[in-house]
Protein backbone atom coordinates (compact mmCIF):
# COMPACT_ATOMS: atom_id res chain seq x y z
CA UNK A 1 -13.75 5.42 -10.10
CA UNK A 2 -11.04 8.01 -9.76
CA UNK A 3 -11.91 10.75 -7.27
CA UNK A 4 -9.75 13.46 -5.47
CA UNK A 5 -9.01 12.52 -1.92
CA UNK A 6 -7.76 14.48 1.05
CA UNK A 7 -6.84 12.63 4.33
CA UNK A 8 -5.49 13.26 7.76
CA UNK A 9 -4.43 11.05 10.62
CA UNK A 10 -6.80 11.09 13.57
CA UNK A 11 -4.78 11.88 16.75
CA UNK A 12 -4.52 14.60 19.32
CA UNK A 13 -2.95 17.77 17.96
CA UNK A 14 -2.33 18.89 14.45
CA UNK A 15 -1.92 15.98 11.93
CA UNK A 16 -0.21 15.93 8.59
CA UNK A 17 -2.60 16.20 5.65
CA UNK A 18 -2.27 14.18 2.45
CA UNK A 19 -3.82 14.20 -0.98
CA UNK A 20 -4.31 11.55 -3.57
CA UNK A 21 -6.73 9.85 -5.95
CA UNK A 22 -8.85 6.75 -5.56
CA UNK A 23 -8.02 3.80 -7.67
CA UNK A 24 -10.80 1.60 -6.40
CA UNK A 25 -13.99 2.36 -4.32
CA UNK A 26 -16.24 -0.14 -2.77
CA UNK A 27 -18.81 -0.15 0.07
CA UNK A 28 -16.21 -1.53 2.47
CA UNK A 29 -12.99 0.35 1.47
CA UNK A 30 -10.82 2.43 -0.72
CA UNK A 31 -7.59 1.98 -2.61
CA UNK A 32 -5.74 5.45 -2.70
CA UNK A 33 -2.78 6.50 -4.84
CA UNK A 34 -0.53 8.94 -3.06
CA UNK A 35 3.13 9.61 -3.06
CA UNK A 36 3.05 11.03 0.47
CA UNK A 37 4.20 8.55 3.03
CA UNK A 38 2.32 9.83 6.13
CA UNK A 39 0.18 6.73 6.84
CA UNK A 40 1.05 3.34 8.43
CA UNK A 41 -0.87 0.15 8.66
CA UNK A 42 -3.40 0.30 11.60
CA UNK A 43 -3.51 4.10 11.55
CA UNK A 44 -6.97 5.68 11.68
CA UNK A 45 -7.72 8.37 9.13
CA UNK A 46 -10.38 10.86 8.21
CA UNK A 47 -10.72 10.84 4.37
CA UNK A 48 -12.87 13.19 2.21
CA UNK A 49 -13.76 12.60 -1.39
CA UNK A 50 -15.37 15.00 -3.86
CA UNK A 51 -18.38 12.78 -4.82
CA UNK A 52 -19.25 12.67 -8.50
CA UNK A 53 -23.13 12.84 -8.05
CA UNK A 54 -25.06 15.99 -7.25
CA UNK A 55 -27.72 16.16 -4.50
CA UNK A 56 -31.09 17.00 -6.34
CA UNK A 57 -29.00 17.63 -9.51
CA UNK A 58 -27.48 20.86 -8.11
CA UNK A 59 -25.62 20.55 -4.87
CA UNK A 60 -22.03 19.05 -4.98
CA UNK A 61 -21.40 16.39 -2.31
CA UNK A 62 -18.44 15.25 -0.39
CA UNK A 63 -18.01 11.80 1.30
CA UNK A 64 -16.43 12.02 4.75
CA UNK A 65 -15.15 8.72 6.05
CA UNK A 66 -13.38 7.43 9.19
CA UNK A 67 -11.25 4.44 8.16
CA UNK A 68 -8.35 2.29 9.15
CA UNK A 69 -5.19 1.66 6.90
CA UNK A 70 -5.02 -2.08 6.14
CA UNK A 71 -2.19 -2.10 3.61
CA UNK A 72 0.66 0.35 2.50
CA UNK A 73 2.60 0.32 -0.81
CA UNK A 74 5.14 2.73 -2.09
CA UNK A 75 2.61 4.37 -4.38
CA UNK A 76 -0.49 4.39 -2.13
CA UNK A 77 -2.48 2.56 0.55
CA UNK A 78 -5.82 0.71 1.26
CA UNK A 79 -8.30 1.50 3.90
CA UNK A 80 -11.32 -0.19 5.51
CA UNK A 81 -14.27 2.16 6.10
CA UNK A 82 -15.50 2.25 9.69
CA UNK A 83 -18.19 4.86 9.16
CA UNK A 84 -19.06 7.53 6.68
CA UNK A 85 -21.53 10.23 5.81
CA UNK A 86 -22.19 12.67 2.93
CA UNK A 87 -22.18 16.44 3.30
CA UNK A 88 -22.93 19.34 0.92
CA UNK A 89 -19.71 20.71 -0.52
CA UNK A 90 -19.15 24.42 -0.93
CA UNK A 91 -19.09 25.33 -4.63
């Protein structure tokens, strides 16, 4: 499943924001393709994905997840989900 992804490092103060696309989505983690090298193994991120299903067939959803980077590659990285929730996305 390929979904648009936005992510930012969780830390005090402003954090760099990255964008990418999912290559693989599971209940425990994500594989994200991104050319931006702002993440490192062990770093905690907040990730948001535009979810493909609509709530009640009308309202777009967004998955918001807190996760930890488990692997980095030149073209992307993998994360393990720690917790997540859905929220309504503005149209």
